[in-house]
Amino acid sequence: QVQPVESGGGLVQAGGSLRLSCAASIIAFSTYSGAWYRQAPGKPREFVARIRDDGVTSYADFVQGRFTISKNNGQNTVYLQMNSLKPGDTAVYYCDIYRGNRDYWGQGTQVTVSS
């Protein structure tokens, strides 16, 4: 079973930046799409950003231009660059690598933004 591995989370002050990484040992990684979700305590998991295998990206409305998702097929990695972080961005961030009926989730990385 493929298990993507997230990294890059941590504690940052409001207004700061973090870059999350999601690495997955998957053959033909370039044919997969990638997405980031997050879950804050007591709240359901919510969509953050997506990048399709053709490079087209989409974002949740709350991102408001602060986050950028990217994909490096040579390194089998999906990134989420997060700038201008707010305390409301505090959550566990999960990556999802998927293609057709294949759907692989990471275990999550904690992001905490202090005010």
C-alpha atoms as a PDB file:
ATOM      1  CA  GLN A   1       0.000   0.000   0.000  1.00  0.00           C
ATOM      2  CA  VAL A   2       1.367   3.396  -0.990  1.00  0.00           C
ATOM      3  CA  GLN A   3       1.678   5.866   1.886  1.00  0.00           C
ATOM      4  CA  PRO A   4       2.510   9.450   0.953  1.00  0.00           C
ATOM      5  CA  VAL A   5       4.664  11.205   3.543  1.00  0.00           C
ATOM      6  CA  GLU A   6       4.021  14.830   4.453  1.00  0.00           C
ATOM      7  CA  SER A   7       6.638  17.115   5.976  1.00  0.00           C
ATOM      8  CA  GLY A   8       7.256  20.800   6.575  1.00  0.00           C
ATOM      9  CA  GLY A   9       4.657  21.533   9.213  1.00  0.00           C
ATOM     10  CA  GLY A  10       5.461  23.364  12.409  1.00  0.00           C
ATOM     11  CA  LEU A  11       4.830  26.425  14.539  1.00  0.00           C
ATOM     12  CA  VAL A  12       4.917  29.839  12.889  1.00  0.00           C
ATOM     13  CA  GLN A  13       3.793  33.326  13.825  1.00  0.00           C
ATOM     14  CA  ALA A  14       0.919  35.010  12.037  1.00  0.00           C
ATOM     15  CA  GLY A  15       2.117  36.495   8.772  1.00  0.00           C
ATOM     16  CA  GLY A  16       4.804  33.837   8.384  1.00  0.00           C
ATOM     17  CA  SER A  17       5.300  31.141   5.760  1.00  0.00           C
ATOM     18  CA  LEU A  18       5.673  27.398   5.567  1.00  0.00           C
ATOM     19  CA  ARG A  19       6.189  24.986   2.694  1.00  0.00           C
ATOM     20  CA  LEU A  20       4.622  21.571   3.008  1.00  0.00           C
ATOM     21  CA  SER A  21       5.902  18.611   1.023  1.00  0.00           C
ATOM     22  CA  CYS A  22       4.206  15.350   0.144  1.00  0.00           C
ATOM     23  CA  ALA A  23       6.431  12.598  -1.226  1.00  0.00           C
ATOM     24  CA  ALA A  24       5.024   9.390  -2.658  1.00  0.00           C
ATOM     25  CA  SER A  25       6.753   6.337  -4.055  1.00  0.00           C
ATOM     26  CA  ILE A  26       4.415   5.803  -6.989  1.00  0.00           C
ATOM     27  CA  ILE A  27       5.267   4.566 -10.448  1.00  0.00           C
ATOM     28  CA  ALA A  28       4.179   7.038 -13.147  1.00  0.00           C
ATOM     29  CA  PHE A  29       3.729   9.817 -10.574  1.00  0.00           C
ATOM     30  CA  SER A  30       3.258  12.327 -13.387  1.00  0.00           C
ATOM     31  CA  THR A  31      -0.079  10.715 -14.257  1.00  0.00           C
ATOM     32  CA  TYR A  32      -1.472  11.370 -10.791  1.00  0.00           C
ATOM     33  CA  SER A  33      -3.173  14.440  -9.413  1.00  0.00           C
ATOM     34  CA  GLY A  34      -2.448  15.811  -5.972  1.00  0.00           C
ATOM     35  CA  ALA A  35      -4.420  17.716  -3.377  1.00  0.00           C
ATOM     36  CA  TRP A  36      -4.106  19.165   0.095  1.00  0.00           C
ATOM     37  CA  TYR A  37      -6.813  19.079   2.753  1.00  0.00           C
ATOM     38  CA  ARG A  38      -6.818  20.253   6.324  1.00  0.00           C
ATOM     39  CA  GLN A  39      -8.664  19.470   9.529  1.00  0.00           C
ATOM     40  CA  ALA A  40      -8.840  21.763  12.516  1.00  0.00           C
ATOM     41  CA  PRO A  41      -9.852  20.431  15.961  1.00  0.00           C
ATOM     42  CA  GLY A  42     -13.589  19.804  16.146  1.00  0.00           C
ATOM     43  CA  LYS A  43     -14.121  20.570  12.457  1.00  0.00           C
ATOM     44  CA  PRO A  44     -14.536  18.377   9.397  1.00  0.00           C
ATOM     45  CA  ARG A  45     -11.717  17.913   6.911  1.00  0.00           C
ATOM     46  CA  GLU A  46     -11.813  20.588   4.212  1.00  0.00           C
ATOM     47  CA  PHE A  47     -10.310  21.031   0.776  1.00  0.00           C
ATOM     48  CA  VAL A  48      -7.386  23.452   0.420  1.00  0.00           C
ATOM     49  CA  ALA A  49      -5.868  23.088  -3.052  1.00  0.00           C
ATOM     50  CA  ARG A  50      -5.566  20.696  -5.983  1.00  0.00           C
ATOM     51  CA  ILE A  51      -3.198  20.221  -8.915  1.00  0.00           C
ATOM     52  CA  ARG A  52      -4.233  17.960 -11.761  1.00  0.00           C
ATOM     53  CA  ASP A  53      -1.860  15.742 -13.686  1.00  0.00           C
ATOM     54  CA  ASP A  54      -1.922  18.342 -16.468  1.00  0.00           C
ATOM     55  CA  GLY A  55      -0.841  21.064 -14.044  1.00  0.00           C
ATOM     56  CA  VAL A  56      -4.164  22.873 -13.697  1.00  0.00           C
ATOM     57  CA  THR A  57      -4.657  24.130 -10.156  1.00  0.00           C
ATOM     58  CA  SER A  58      -7.650  25.100  -8.035  1.00  0.00           C
ATOM     59  CA  TYR A  59      -7.984  26.522  -4.528  1.00  0.00           C
ATOM     60  CA  ALA A  60     -10.498  26.914  -1.759  1.00  0.00           C
ATOM     61  CA  ASP A  61     -11.947  30.394  -1.449  1.00  0.00           C
ATOM     62  CA  PHE A  62     -10.313  30.986   1.920  1.00  0.00           C
ATOM     63  CA  VAL A  63      -6.851  30.689   0.359  1.00  0.00           C
ATOM     64  CA  GLN A  64      -7.290  34.128  -1.267  1.00  0.00           C
ATOM     65  CA  GLY A  65      -3.983  34.007  -3.142  1.00  0.00           C
ATOM     66  CA  ARG A  66      -1.887  33.131  -0.090  1.00  0.00           C
ATOM     67  CA  PHE A  67      -1.105  29.488  -0.970  1.00  0.00           C
ATOM     68  CA  THR A  68       0.470  27.905  -4.041  1.00  0.00           C
ATOM     69  CA  ILE A  69       0.319  24.219  -4.897  1.00  0.00           C
ATOM     70  CA  SER A  70       2.946  22.715  -7.184  1.00  0.00           C
ATOM     71  CA  LYS A  71       4.144  19.302  -8.302  1.00  0.00           C
ATOM     72  CA  ASN A  72       7.617  18.022  -9.114  1.00  0.00           C
ATOM     73  CA  ASN A  73       7.230  14.797 -11.073  1.00  0.00           C
ATOM     74  CA  GLY A  74      10.968  14.116 -11.063  1.00  0.00           C
ATOM     75  CA  GLN A  75      10.955  14.074  -7.274  1.00  0.00           C
ATOM     76  CA  ASN A  76       7.502  12.456  -6.869  1.00  0.00           C
ATOM     77  CA  THR A  77       6.504  15.346  -4.639  1.00  0.00           C
ATOM     78  CA  VAL A  78       3.593  17.744  -4.278  1.00  0.00           C
ATOM     79  CA  TYR A  79       4.200  21.035  -2.461  1.00  0.00           C
ATOM     80  CA  LEU A  80       2.022  23.594  -0.738  1.00  0.00           C
ATOM     81  CA  GLN A  81       3.669  26.976  -0.249  1.00  0.00           C
ATOM     82  CA  MET A  82       1.737  28.893   2.389  1.00  0.00           C
ATOM     83  CA  ASN A  83       2.315  32.615   2.910  1.00  0.00           C
ATOM     84  CA  SER A  84       0.621  35.230   5.090  1.00  0.00           C
ATOM     85  CA  LEU A  85      -0.494  32.537   7.494  1.00  0.00           C
ATOM     86  CA  LYS A  86      -3.283  33.283   9.936  1.00  0.00           C
ATOM     87  CA  PRO A  87      -4.233  31.641  13.243  1.00  0.00           C
ATOM     88  CA  GLY A  88      -7.293  30.271  11.431  1.00  0.00           C
ATOM     89  CA  ASP A  89      -4.952  28.210   9.249  1.00  0.00           C
ATOM     90  CA  THR A  90      -4.024  26.084  12.250  1.00  0.00           C
ATOM     91  CA  ALA A  91      -4.845  22.473  11.404  1.00  0.00           C
ATOM     92  CA  VAL A  92      -3.447  19.105  10.454  1.00  0.00           C
ATOM     93  CA  TYR A  93      -2.714  19.188   6.735  1.00  0.00           C
ATOM     94  CA  TYR A  94      -3.132  16.033   4.666  1.00  0.00           C
ATOM     95  CA  CYS A  95      -2.047  15.279   1.137  1.00  0.00           C
ATOM     96  CA  ASP A  96      -3.998  13.119  -1.272  1.00  0.00           C
ATOM     97  CA  ILE A  97      -2.428  11.587  -4.373  1.00  0.00           C
ATOM     98  CA  TYR A  98      -5.003  10.087  -6.724  1.00  0.00           C
ATOM     99  CA  ARG A  99      -5.711   8.746 -10.168  1.00  0.00           C
ATOM    100  CA  GLY A 100      -8.958   7.067 -11.138  1.00  0.00           C
ATOM    101  CA  ASN A 101      -9.905   4.648  -8.361  1.00  0.00           C
ATOM    102  CA  ARG A 102      -6.438   4.860  -6.768  1.00  0.00           C
ATOM    103  CA  ASP A 103      -6.432   7.247  -3.835  1.00  0.00           C
ATOM    104  CA  TYR A 104      -3.532   7.548  -1.391  1.00  0.00           C
ATOM    105  CA  TRP A 105      -3.604   9.664   1.750  1.00  0.00           C
ATOM    106  CA  GLY A 106      -0.764  10.743   3.966  1.00  0.00           C
ATOM    107  CA  GLN A 107      -0.897  10.724   7.756  1.00  0.00           C
ATOM    108  CA  GLY A 108      -0.843  14.496   8.069  1.00  0.00           C
ATOM    109  CA  THR A 109       1.461  17.224   9.301  1.00  0.00           C
ATOM    110  CA  GLN A 110       0.555  19.737  12.009  1.00  0.00           C
ATOM    111  CA  VAL A 111       0.573  23.444  11.201  1.00  0.00           C
ATOM    112  CA  THR A 112       0.154  25.840  14.111  1.00  0.00           C
ATOM    113  CA  VAL A 113      -0.045  29.596  13.581  1.00  0.00           C
ATOM    114  CA  SER A 114       0.309  31.776  16.658  1.00  0.00           C
ATOM    115  CA  SER A 115      -1.122  35.274  16.942  1.00  0.00           C
END
